[in-house]
């Protein structure tokens, strides 16, 4: 790819998607700003719509592909009164931009950018729970940035796995921390419930505006981290730190069971074996 020119956040007019990933933090805020050049972190970037200026989190899942939430891939515009981000109707070929290679010393400066085109997406509907497991999208990059920045492997749990059971980690761009160096990482959170339909899992990880579309990873028995979900939304938004997790205040991810088969199919086009890992 050669040397990429640094891209300043102010220069491309980025702002992070305000909803549906709202702020729910339980007991204490365990998130930290970590070096974005470290493994795992370096594979996470921003998906930017140059037409509207809206952006959200996305991550490399192959040499030439990224994954994110449907509502991030198809974000349209923000209502100035409510802060809500409208979502356009999904279509193959929809193109946005992916930025990666965040400068460890300069907030909002990225080393690389590539055009990203939607090649697969879920049957997303935000009106009720039945449409929420479809809140995922896979995009192909014009430049295969995964060769330089690496990509995240994903779990392929059996049908009996309703939710992950070990330690979770999130990596994303929290809107409140855009002026700080590094990328926002949380370890030590867990899945707390699943449903009310297959493919949705409630977690006690802290979610905030801007984190939508970021990966949720689970630590495996051998110490590896595999993607087990996408940051999707919060319910019962609270302005203060909550004393405990509850169904009233719930942070929800789209479980990997909803989209790993689509990833297998798409990544086969890269000419590499699909992941054979299974969450146990």
C-alpha atoms as a PDB file:
ATOM      1  CA  UNK A   1       0.000   0.000   0.000  1.00  0.00           C
ATOM      2  CA  UNK A   2       3.006   2.279   0.590  1.00  0.00           C
ATOM      3  CA  UNK A   3       3.192   5.099   3.056  1.00  0.00           C
ATOM      4  CA  UNK A   4      -0.286   6.482   3.808  1.00  0.00           C
ATOM      5  CA  UNK A   5      -0.797  10.120   4.543  1.00  0.00           C
ATOM      6  CA  UNK A   6      -2.008  10.855   8.071  1.00  0.00           C
ATOM      7  CA  UNK A   7      -5.678  11.763   8.130  1.00  0.00           C
ATOM      8  CA  UNK A   8      -6.842  14.255  10.730  1.00  0.00           C
ATOM      9  CA  UNK A   9     -10.292  13.717  12.227  1.00  0.00           C
ATOM     10  CA  UNK A  10     -11.063  17.412  11.906  1.00  0.00           C
ATOM     11  CA  UNK A  11     -10.051  17.302   8.264  1.00  0.00           C
ATOM     12  CA  UNK A  12     -12.695  14.763   7.278  1.00  0.00           C
ATOM     13  CA  UNK A  13     -15.414  16.126   9.562  1.00  0.00           C
ATOM     14  CA  UNK A  14     -15.932  12.997  11.659  1.00  0.00           C
ATOM     15  CA  UNK A  15     -18.480  12.724  14.443  1.00  0.00           C
ATOM     16  CA  UNK A  16     -19.512   9.480  16.059  1.00  0.00           C
ATOM     17  CA  UNK A  17     -22.987   8.020  15.704  1.00  0.00           C
ATOM     18  CA  UNK A  18     -25.056   9.121  18.722  1.00  0.00           C
ATOM     19  CA  UNK A  19     -27.595   6.311  18.858  1.00  0.00           C
ATOM     20  CA  UNK A  20     -28.559   3.537  19.380  1.00  0.00           C
ATOM     21  CA  UNK A  21     -25.450   2.786  21.476  1.00  0.00           C
ATOM     22  CA  UNK A  22     -26.233   5.046  24.444  1.00  0.00           C
ATOM     23  CA  UNK A  23     -24.534   5.313  27.833  1.00  0.00           C
ATOM     24  CA  UNK A  24     -25.087   2.529  30.375  1.00  0.00           C
ATOM     25  CA  UNK A  25     -22.261   1.912  32.868  1.00  0.00           C
ATOM     26  CA  UNK A  26     -22.685  -0.620  35.673  1.00  0.00           C
ATOM     27  CA  UNK A  27     -21.056  -0.417  39.160  1.00  0.00           C
ATOM     28  CA  UNK A  28     -17.839   1.228  37.886  1.00  0.00           C
ATOM     29  CA  UNK A  29     -16.341   2.372  34.615  1.00  0.00           C
ATOM     30  CA  UNK A  30     -13.620  -0.177  33.817  1.00  0.00           C
ATOM     31  CA  UNK A  31     -12.772   1.263  30.424  1.00  0.00           C
ATOM     32  CA  UNK A  32      -9.250   2.471  29.757  1.00  0.00           C
ATOM     33  CA  UNK A  33      -7.505   4.227  26.903  1.00  0.00           C
ATOM     34  CA  UNK A  34      -5.039   1.734  25.432  1.00  0.00           C
ATOM     35  CA  UNK A  35      -2.346   1.891  22.777  1.00  0.00           C
ATOM     36  CA  UNK A  36      -4.124   1.540  19.405  1.00  0.00           C
ATOM     37  CA  UNK A  37      -1.017   0.002  17.828  1.00  0.00           C
ATOM     38  CA  UNK A  38      -1.163  -3.110  20.036  1.00  0.00           C
ATOM     39  CA  UNK A  39      -2.511  -6.399  18.610  1.00  0.00           C
ATOM     40  CA  UNK A  40      -6.337  -6.590  18.548  1.00  0.00           C
ATOM     41  CA  UNK A  41      -6.609  -2.807  19.055  1.00  0.00           C
ATOM     42  CA  UNK A  42      -4.856  -2.034  15.777  1.00  0.00           C
ATOM     43  CA  UNK A  43      -7.496  -3.992  13.820  1.00  0.00           C
ATOM     44  CA  UNK A  44     -10.306  -1.698  15.003  1.00  0.00           C
ATOM     45  CA  UNK A  45     -11.110   1.509  13.126  1.00  0.00           C
ATOM     46  CA  UNK A  46     -13.818   3.956  12.138  1.00  0.00           C
ATOM     47  CA  UNK A  47     -16.432   3.596   9.429  1.00  0.00           C
ATOM     48  CA  UNK A  48     -17.145   7.048   8.016  1.00  0.00           C
ATOM     49  CA  UNK A  49     -19.945   8.209   5.737  1.00  0.00           C
ATOM     50  CA  UNK A  50     -18.400  11.095   3.752  1.00  0.00           C
ATOM     51  CA  UNK A  51     -21.828  12.213   2.570  1.00  0.00           C
ATOM     52  CA  UNK A  52     -23.232  12.873   6.050  1.00  0.00           C
ATOM     53  CA  UNK A  53     -20.103  13.031   8.212  1.00  0.00           C
ATOM     54  CA  UNK A  54     -21.487  10.284  10.477  1.00  0.00           C
ATOM     55  CA  UNK A  55     -19.157   7.600  11.828  1.00  0.00           C
ATOM     56  CA  UNK A  56     -19.103   4.523  14.059  1.00  0.00           C
ATOM     57  CA  UNK A  57     -16.778   1.668  14.987  1.00  0.00           C
ATOM     58  CA  UNK A  58     -15.839  -1.215  12.645  1.00  0.00           C
ATOM     59  CA  UNK A  59     -13.104  -3.858  12.663  1.00  0.00           C
ATOM     60  CA  UNK A  60     -11.060  -5.997  10.291  1.00  0.00           C
ATOM     61  CA  UNK A  61     -12.191  -9.623  10.008  1.00  0.00           C
ATOM     62  CA  UNK A  62     -10.004 -10.548   7.041  1.00  0.00           C
ATOM     63  CA  UNK A  63      -7.289  -9.152   4.828  1.00  0.00           C
ATOM     64  CA  UNK A  64      -9.842  -7.282   2.737  1.00  0.00           C
ATOM     65  CA  UNK A  65     -13.035  -7.239   4.846  1.00  0.00           C
ATOM     66  CA  UNK A  66     -14.471  -5.466   7.860  1.00  0.00           C
ATOM     67  CA  UNK A  67     -17.546  -6.032  10.039  1.00  0.00           C
ATOM     68  CA  UNK A  68     -19.760  -3.546  11.829  1.00  0.00           C
ATOM     69  CA  UNK A  69     -23.376  -2.998  12.861  1.00  0.00           C
ATOM     70  CA  UNK A  70     -26.007  -2.554  10.142  1.00  0.00           C
ATOM     71  CA  UNK A  71     -27.061   0.761  11.657  1.00  0.00           C
ATOM     72  CA  UNK A  72     -23.459   1.988  11.398  1.00  0.00           C
ATOM     73  CA  UNK A  73     -22.896   0.786   7.820  1.00  0.00           C
ATOM     74  CA  UNK A  74     -26.120   2.430   6.646  1.00  0.00           C
ATOM     75  CA  UNK A  75     -26.161   5.500   8.905  1.00  0.00           C
ATOM     76  CA  UNK A  76     -27.741   8.395   7.082  1.00  0.00           C
ATOM     77  CA  UNK A  77     -28.188  11.578   9.085  1.00  0.00           C
ATOM     78  CA  UNK A  78     -28.715  12.860  12.609  1.00  0.00           C
ATOM     79  CA  UNK A  79     -31.838  14.650  13.823  1.00  0.00           C
ATOM     80  CA  UNK A  80     -30.645  17.923  15.369  1.00  0.00           C
ATOM     81  CA  UNK A  81     -33.466  17.908  17.939  1.00  0.00           C
ATOM     82  CA  UNK A  82     -33.300  14.318  19.208  1.00  0.00           C
ATOM     83  CA  UNK A  83     -29.744  13.297  18.313  1.00  0.00           C
ATOM     84  CA  UNK A  84     -31.070  10.144  16.671  1.00  0.00           C
ATOM     85  CA  UNK A  85     -29.264   8.829  13.633  1.00  0.00           C
ATOM     86  CA  UNK A  86     -31.503   7.794  10.749  1.00  0.00           C
ATOM     87  CA  UNK A  87     -30.703   4.518   8.998  1.00  0.00           C
ATOM     88  CA  UNK A  88     -31.092   4.185   5.254  1.00  0.00           C
ATOM     89  CA  UNK A  89     -32.410   1.003   3.681  1.00  0.00           C
ATOM     90  CA  UNK A  90     -29.698  -1.628   3.301  1.00  0.00           C
ATOM     91  CA  UNK A  91     -28.397  -2.406  -0.167  1.00  0.00           C
ATOM     92  CA  UNK A  92     -25.423  -4.247  -1.598  1.00  0.00           C
ATOM     93  CA  UNK A  93     -22.831  -1.933  -3.092  1.00  0.00           C
ATOM     94  CA  UNK A  94     -23.399   0.875  -0.581  1.00  0.00           C
ATOM     95  CA  UNK A  95     -19.993   2.544  -0.114  1.00  0.00           C
ATOM     96  CA  UNK A  96     -18.443   4.367   2.848  1.00  0.00           C
ATOM     97  CA  UNK A  97     -14.870   4.849   4.160  1.00  0.00           C
ATOM     98  CA  UNK A  98     -12.863   2.866   6.692  1.00  0.00           C
ATOM     99  CA  UNK A  99     -10.112   4.589   8.675  1.00  0.00           C
ATOM    100  CA  UNK A 100      -7.539   2.619  10.654  1.00  0.00           C
ATOM    101  CA  UNK A 101      -4.065   3.059  12.120  1.00  0.00           C
ATOM    102  CA  UNK A 102      -4.903   5.520  14.906  1.00  0.00           C
ATOM    103  CA  UNK A 103      -1.868   7.539  15.984  1.00  0.00           C
ATOM    104  CA  UNK A 104      -0.893   6.506  19.569  1.00  0.00           C
ATOM    105  CA  UNK A 105       0.078  10.102  20.355  1.00  0.00           C
ATOM    106  CA  UNK A 106      -2.502  12.163  18.478  1.00  0.00           C
ATOM    107  CA  UNK A 107      -6.272  11.793  19.028  1.00  0.00           C
ATOM    108  CA  UNK A 108      -8.250  11.458  15.811  1.00  0.00           C
ATOM    109  CA  UNK A 109      -5.318  10.958  13.444  1.00  0.00           C
ATOM    110  CA  UNK A 110      -5.385   7.831  11.277  1.00  0.00           C
ATOM    111  CA  UNK A 111      -2.651   6.511   8.998  1.00  0.00           C
ATOM    112  CA  UNK A 112      -4.804   4.730   6.404  1.00  0.00           C
ATOM    113  CA  UNK A 113      -8.142   5.011   4.657  1.00  0.00           C
ATOM    114  CA  UNK A 114      -9.930   2.749   2.193  1.00  0.00           C
ATOM    115  CA  UNK A 115     -13.270   2.694   0.405  1.00  0.00           C
ATOM    116  CA  UNK A 116     -15.544   0.044   1.941  1.00  0.00           C
ATOM    117  CA  UNK A 117     -18.427  -1.535   0.015  1.00  0.00           C
ATOM    118  CA  UNK A 118     -21.247  -3.545   1.612  1.00  0.00           C
ATOM    119  CA  UNK A 119     -21.211  -7.188   0.431  1.00  0.00           C
ATOM    120  CA  UNK A 120     -23.555  -8.770   3.026  1.00  0.00           C
ATOM    121  CA  UNK A 121     -25.926  -7.575   5.743  1.00  0.00           C
ATOM    122  CA  UNK A 122     -28.604  -8.832   8.104  1.00  0.00           C
ATOM    123  CA  UNK A 123     -32.360  -8.408   7.993  1.00  0.00           C
ATOM    124  CA  UNK A 124     -32.284  -5.569  10.519  1.00  0.00           C
ATOM    125  CA  UNK A 125     -35.329  -3.933  12.037  1.00  0.00           C
ATOM    126  CA  UNK A 126     -35.198  -1.625  15.037  1.00  0.00           C
ATOM    127  CA  UNK A 127     -38.919  -1.633  15.818  1.00  0.00           C
ATOM    128  CA  UNK A 128     -38.830  -4.855  17.873  1.00  0.00           C
ATOM    129  CA  UNK A 129     -36.439  -7.530  19.136  1.00  0.00           C
ATOM    130  CA  UNK A 130     -37.094  -9.863  16.218  1.00  0.00           C
ATOM    131  CA  UNK A 131     -35.252  -7.540  13.816  1.00  0.00           C
ATOM    132  CA  UNK A 132     -32.306  -6.708  16.093  1.00  0.00           C
ATOM    133  CA  UNK A 133     -30.191  -9.864  15.473  1.00  0.00           C
ATOM    134  CA  UNK A 134     -29.901  -8.596  11.890  1.00  0.00           C
ATOM    135  CA  UNK A 135     -27.935  -5.549  13.024  1.00  0.00           C
ATOM    136  CA  UNK A 136     -24.712  -6.592  11.258  1.00  0.00           C
ATOM    137  CA  UNK A 137     -22.965  -5.848   7.981  1.00  0.00           C
ATOM    138  CA  UNK A 138     -19.816  -7.011   6.171  1.00  0.00           C
ATOM    139  CA  UNK A 139     -17.905  -4.712   3.818  1.00  0.00           C
ATOM    140  CA  UNK A 140     -15.078  -5.295   1.352  1.00  0.00           C
ATOM    141  CA  UNK A 141     -12.163  -2.840   1.260  1.00  0.00           C
ATOM    142  CA  UNK A 142     -10.650  -1.556  -1.958  1.00  0.00           C
ATOM    143  CA  UNK A 143      -7.251  -1.755  -0.223  1.00  0.00           C
ATOM    144  CA  UNK A 144      -6.622  -4.916   1.800  1.00  0.00           C
ATOM    145  CA  UNK A 145      -5.610  -3.155   5.011  1.00  0.00           C
ATOM    146  CA  UNK A 146      -5.776  -6.393   7.003  1.00  0.00           C
ATOM    147  CA  UNK A 147      -2.401  -7.311   5.523  1.00  0.00           C
ATOM    148  CA  UNK A 148      -0.867  -4.410   7.446  1.00  0.00           C
ATOM    149  CA  UNK A 149      -3.085  -4.069  10.509  1.00  0.00           C
ATOM    150  CA  UNK A 150      -4.120  -7.681  11.070  1.00  0.00           C
ATOM    151  CA  UNK A 151      -7.635  -8.953  11.563  1.00  0.00           C
ATOM    152  CA  UNK A 152      -9.713 -10.457  14.356  1.00  0.00           C
ATOM    153  CA  UNK A 153     -10.747 -14.102  14.397  1.00  0.00           C
ATOM    154  CA  UNK A 154     -14.269 -14.992  15.386  1.00  0.00           C
ATOM    155  CA  UNK A 155     -15.805 -17.854  17.343  1.00  0.00           C
ATOM    156  CA  UNK A 156     -18.158 -20.338  15.703  1.00  0.00           C
ATOM    157  CA  UNK A 157     -20.230 -21.596  18.640  1.00  0.00           C
ATOM    158  CA  UNK A 158     -22.559 -24.561  18.375  1.00  0.00           C
ATOM    159  CA  UNK A 159     -26.312 -24.101  18.266  1.00  0.00           C
ATOM    160  CA  UNK A 160     -26.469 -25.018  21.954  1.00  0.00           C
ATOM    161  CA  UNK A 161     -24.462 -21.921  22.929  1.00  0.00           C
ATOM    162  CA  UNK A 162     -27.061 -19.320  23.885  1.00  0.00           C
ATOM    163  CA  UNK A 163     -24.425 -16.920  25.229  1.00  0.00           C
ATOM    164  CA  UNK A 164     -20.696 -16.750  26.055  1.00  0.00           C
ATOM    165  CA  UNK A 165     -19.656 -17.591  29.617  1.00  0.00           C
ATOM    166  CA  UNK A 166     -16.086 -16.355  30.040  1.00  0.00           C
ATOM    167  CA  UNK A 167     -14.472 -12.928  30.368  1.00  0.00           C
ATOM    168  CA  UNK A 168     -15.391 -10.396  27.684  1.00  0.00           C
ATOM    169  CA  UNK A 169     -13.518  -7.450  26.188  1.00  0.00           C
ATOM    170  CA  UNK A 170     -14.731  -4.522  24.082  1.00  0.00           C
ATOM    171  CA  UNK A 171     -12.641  -2.284  21.809  1.00  0.00           C
ATOM    172  CA  UNK A 172     -14.274   0.796  20.304  1.00  0.00           C
ATOM    173  CA  UNK A 173     -14.300   4.568  19.884  1.00  0.00           C
ATOM    174  CA  UNK A 174     -16.253   6.089  22.775  1.00  0.00           C
ATOM    175  CA  UNK A 175     -17.519   9.531  21.832  1.00  0.00           C
ATOM    176  CA  UNK A 176     -16.742  11.087  25.227  1.00  0.00           C
ATOM    177  CA  UNK A 177     -13.065  10.127  24.872  1.00  0.00           C
ATOM    178  CA  UNK A 178     -12.317  11.384  21.377  1.00  0.00           C
ATOM    179  CA  UNK A 179     -10.052  14.102  22.740  1.00  0.00           C
ATOM    180  CA  UNK A 180      -7.934  11.529  24.587  1.00  0.00           C
ATOM    181  CA  UNK A 181      -5.103   9.518  23.059  1.00  0.00           C
ATOM    182  CA  UNK A 182      -5.616   5.798  22.468  1.00  0.00           C
ATOM    183  CA  UNK A 183      -8.622   3.579  21.862  1.00  0.00           C
ATOM    184  CA  UNK A 184     -11.223   2.661  24.506  1.00  0.00           C
ATOM    185  CA  UNK A 185     -10.843  -0.883  25.853  1.00  0.00           C
ATOM    186  CA  UNK A 186     -12.706  -2.704  28.630  1.00  0.00           C
ATOM    187  CA  UNK A 187     -11.828  -6.113  30.042  1.00  0.00           C
ATOM    188  CA  UNK A 188     -13.534  -8.139  32.740  1.00  0.00           C
ATOM    189  CA  UNK A 189     -17.178  -7.727  31.745  1.00  0.00           C
ATOM    190  CA  UNK A 190     -19.527 -10.665  31.201  1.00  0.00           C
ATOM    191  CA  UNK A 191     -22.668 -11.811  29.423  1.00  0.00           C
ATOM    192  CA  UNK A 192     -25.630 -11.638  31.799  1.00  0.00           C
ATOM    193  CA  UNK A 193     -28.658 -12.901  29.857  1.00  0.00           C
ATOM    194  CA  UNK A 194     -29.823 -13.778  26.360  1.00  0.00           C
ATOM    195  CA  UNK A 195     -32.879 -13.238  24.230  1.00  0.00           C
ATOM    196  CA  UNK A 196     -35.706 -12.437  24.037  1.00  0.00           C
ATOM    197  CA  UNK A 197     -34.914 -13.866  20.588  1.00  0.00           C
ATOM    198  CA  UNK A 198     -31.953 -15.933  19.421  1.00  0.00           C
ATOM    199  CA  UNK A 199     -28.862 -13.911  18.537  1.00  0.00           C
ATOM    200  CA  UNK A 200     -29.188 -11.227  21.227  1.00  0.00           C
ATOM    201  CA  UNK A 201     -27.147 -11.202  24.450  1.00  0.00           C
ATOM    202  CA  UNK A 202     -27.228  -8.734  27.347  1.00  0.00           C
ATOM    203  CA  UNK A 203     -23.813  -7.794  28.764  1.00  0.00           C
ATOM    204  CA  UNK A 204     -22.574  -5.676  31.662  1.00  0.00           C
ATOM    205  CA  UNK A 205     -19.840  -4.087  29.526  1.00  0.00           C
ATOM    206  CA  UNK A 206     -20.076  -0.275  29.428  1.00  0.00           C
ATOM    207  CA  UNK A 207     -21.641   0.985  26.189  1.00  0.00           C
ATOM    208  CA  UNK A 208     -21.611   4.575  25.009  1.00  0.00           C
ATOM    209  CA  UNK A 209     -22.295   6.646  21.906  1.00  0.00           C
ATOM    210  CA  UNK A 210     -19.722   5.903  19.220  1.00  0.00           C
ATOM    211  CA  UNK A 211     -19.097   2.308  20.281  1.00  0.00           C
ATOM    212  CA  UNK A 212     -21.790   0.822  18.032  1.00  0.00           C
ATOM    213  CA  UNK A 213     -20.358  -1.763  15.639  1.00  0.00           C
ATOM    214  CA  UNK A 214     -17.287  -2.467  17.757  1.00  0.00           C
ATOM    215  CA  UNK A 215     -16.249  -6.047  18.539  1.00  0.00           C
ATOM    216  CA  UNK A 216     -17.071  -7.946  21.726  1.00  0.00           C
ATOM    217  CA  UNK A 217     -14.389 -10.604  22.301  1.00  0.00           C
ATOM    218  CA  UNK A 218     -14.290 -13.572  24.690  1.00  0.00           C
ATOM    219  CA  UNK A 219     -11.120 -14.947  26.279  1.00  0.00           C
ATOM    220  CA  UNK A 220     -10.723 -18.617  25.348  1.00  0.00           C
ATOM    221  CA  UNK A 221      -9.304 -21.358  27.567  1.00  0.00           C
ATOM    222  CA  UNK A 222      -5.983 -21.094  25.772  1.00  0.00           C
ATOM    223  CA  UNK A 223      -5.823 -17.329  26.363  1.00  0.00           C
ATOM    224  CA  UNK A 224      -6.796 -16.200  22.858  1.00  0.00           C
ATOM    225  CA  UNK A 225      -9.472 -13.570  22.294  1.00  0.00           C
ATOM    226  CA  UNK A 226     -12.154 -14.377  19.681  1.00  0.00           C
ATOM    227  CA  UNK A 227     -14.971 -12.117  18.498  1.00  0.00           C
ATOM    228  CA  UNK A 228     -18.297 -13.296  19.899  1.00  0.00           C
ATOM    229  CA  UNK A 229     -20.460 -10.313  19.077  1.00  0.00           C
ATOM    230  CA  UNK A 230     -21.045  -6.739  17.919  1.00  0.00           C
ATOM    231  CA  UNK A 231     -21.927  -3.788  20.139  1.00  0.00           C
ATOM    232  CA  UNK A 232     -25.564  -3.069  19.276  1.00  0.00           C
ATOM    233  CA  UNK A 233     -27.548  -0.874  21.687  1.00  0.00           C
ATOM    234  CA  UNK A 234     -28.434   0.161  25.229  1.00  0.00           C
ATOM    235  CA  UNK A 235     -31.888   0.189  26.790  1.00  0.00           C
ATOM    236  CA  UNK A 236     -32.988   2.307  29.729  1.00  0.00           C
ATOM    237  CA  UNK A 237     -30.240   4.877  29.305  1.00  0.00           C
ATOM    238  CA  UNK A 238     -28.965   6.307  32.604  1.00  0.00           C
ATOM    239  CA  UNK A 239     -26.988   9.504  33.161  1.00  0.00           C
ATOM    240  CA  UNK A 240     -25.223   8.181  36.277  1.00  0.00           C
ATOM    241  CA  UNK A 241     -23.266   4.978  36.949  1.00  0.00           C
ATOM    242  CA  UNK A 242     -25.796   2.248  37.747  1.00  0.00           C
ATOM    243  CA  UNK A 243     -25.460   0.194  40.967  1.00  0.00           C
ATOM    244  CA  UNK A 244     -26.088  -3.097  39.152  1.00  0.00           C
ATOM    245  CA  UNK A 245     -27.031  -4.704  35.844  1.00  0.00           C
ATOM    246  CA  UNK A 246     -30.736  -5.262  35.226  1.00  0.00           C
ATOM    247  CA  UNK A 247     -33.133  -5.977  32.390  1.00  0.00           C
ATOM    248  CA  UNK A 248     -34.401  -2.417  32.763  1.00  0.00           C
ATOM    249  CA  UNK A 249     -30.905  -1.101  32.015  1.00  0.00           C
ATOM    250  CA  UNK A 250     -29.381  -3.499  29.503  1.00  0.00           C
ATOM    251  CA  UNK A 251     -26.481  -3.285  27.081  1.00  0.00           C
ATOM    252  CA  UNK A 252     -27.088  -5.602  24.162  1.00  0.00           C
ATOM    253  CA  UNK A 253     -24.801  -7.207  21.606  1.00  0.00           C
ATOM    254  CA  UNK A 254     -25.578  -9.156  18.455  1.00  0.00           C
ATOM    255  CA  UNK A 255     -24.187 -12.640  19.151  1.00  0.00           C
ATOM    256  CA  UNK A 256     -21.824 -14.160  16.593  1.00  0.00           C
ATOM    257  CA  UNK A 257     -24.341 -16.953  15.955  1.00  0.00           C
ATOM    258  CA  UNK A 258     -26.326 -14.394  13.928  1.00  0.00           C
ATOM    259  CA  UNK A 259     -23.570 -13.661  11.402  1.00  0.00           C
ATOM    260  CA  UNK A 260     -20.658 -16.160  11.459  1.00  0.00           C
ATOM    261  CA  UNK A 261     -22.050 -18.166   8.558  1.00  0.00           C
ATOM    262  CA  UNK A 262     -22.175 -15.025   6.438  1.00  0.00           C
ATOM    263  CA  UNK A 263     -18.584 -14.267   7.440  1.00  0.00           C
ATOM    264  CA  UNK A 264     -17.514 -17.780   6.462  1.00  0.00           C
ATOM    265  CA  UNK A 265     -19.068 -17.338   3.033  1.00  0.00           C
ATOM    266  CA  UNK A 266     -17.645 -13.869   2.393  1.00  0.00           C
ATOM    267  CA  UNK A 267     -14.155 -14.622   3.666  1.00  0.00           C
ATOM    268  CA  UNK A 268     -13.944 -17.676   1.442  1.00  0.00           C
ATOM    269  CA  UNK A 269     -13.589 -15.194  -1.419  1.00  0.00           C
ATOM    270  CA  UNK A 270     -10.274 -14.036   0.057  1.00  0.00           C
ATOM    271  CA  UNK A 271      -8.836 -17.424  -0.770  1.00  0.00           C
ATOM    272  CA  UNK A 272      -7.974 -18.311   2.806  1.00  0.00           C
ATOM    273  CA  UNK A 273      -9.457 -20.981   5.094  1.00  0.00           C
ATOM    274  CA  UNK A 274     -12.316 -19.784   7.253  1.00  0.00           C
ATOM    275  CA  UNK A 275     -11.741 -19.903  11.029  1.00  0.00           C
ATOM    276  CA  UNK A 276     -12.087 -23.363  12.538  1.00  0.00           C
ATOM    277  CA  UNK A 277     -12.251 -22.155  16.133  1.00  0.00           C
ATOM    278  CA  UNK A 278     -15.200 -23.093  18.293  1.00  0.00           C
ATOM    279  CA  UNK A 279     -16.191 -21.399  21.516  1.00  0.00           C
ATOM    280  CA  UNK A 280     -16.563 -23.928  24.291  1.00  0.00           C
END
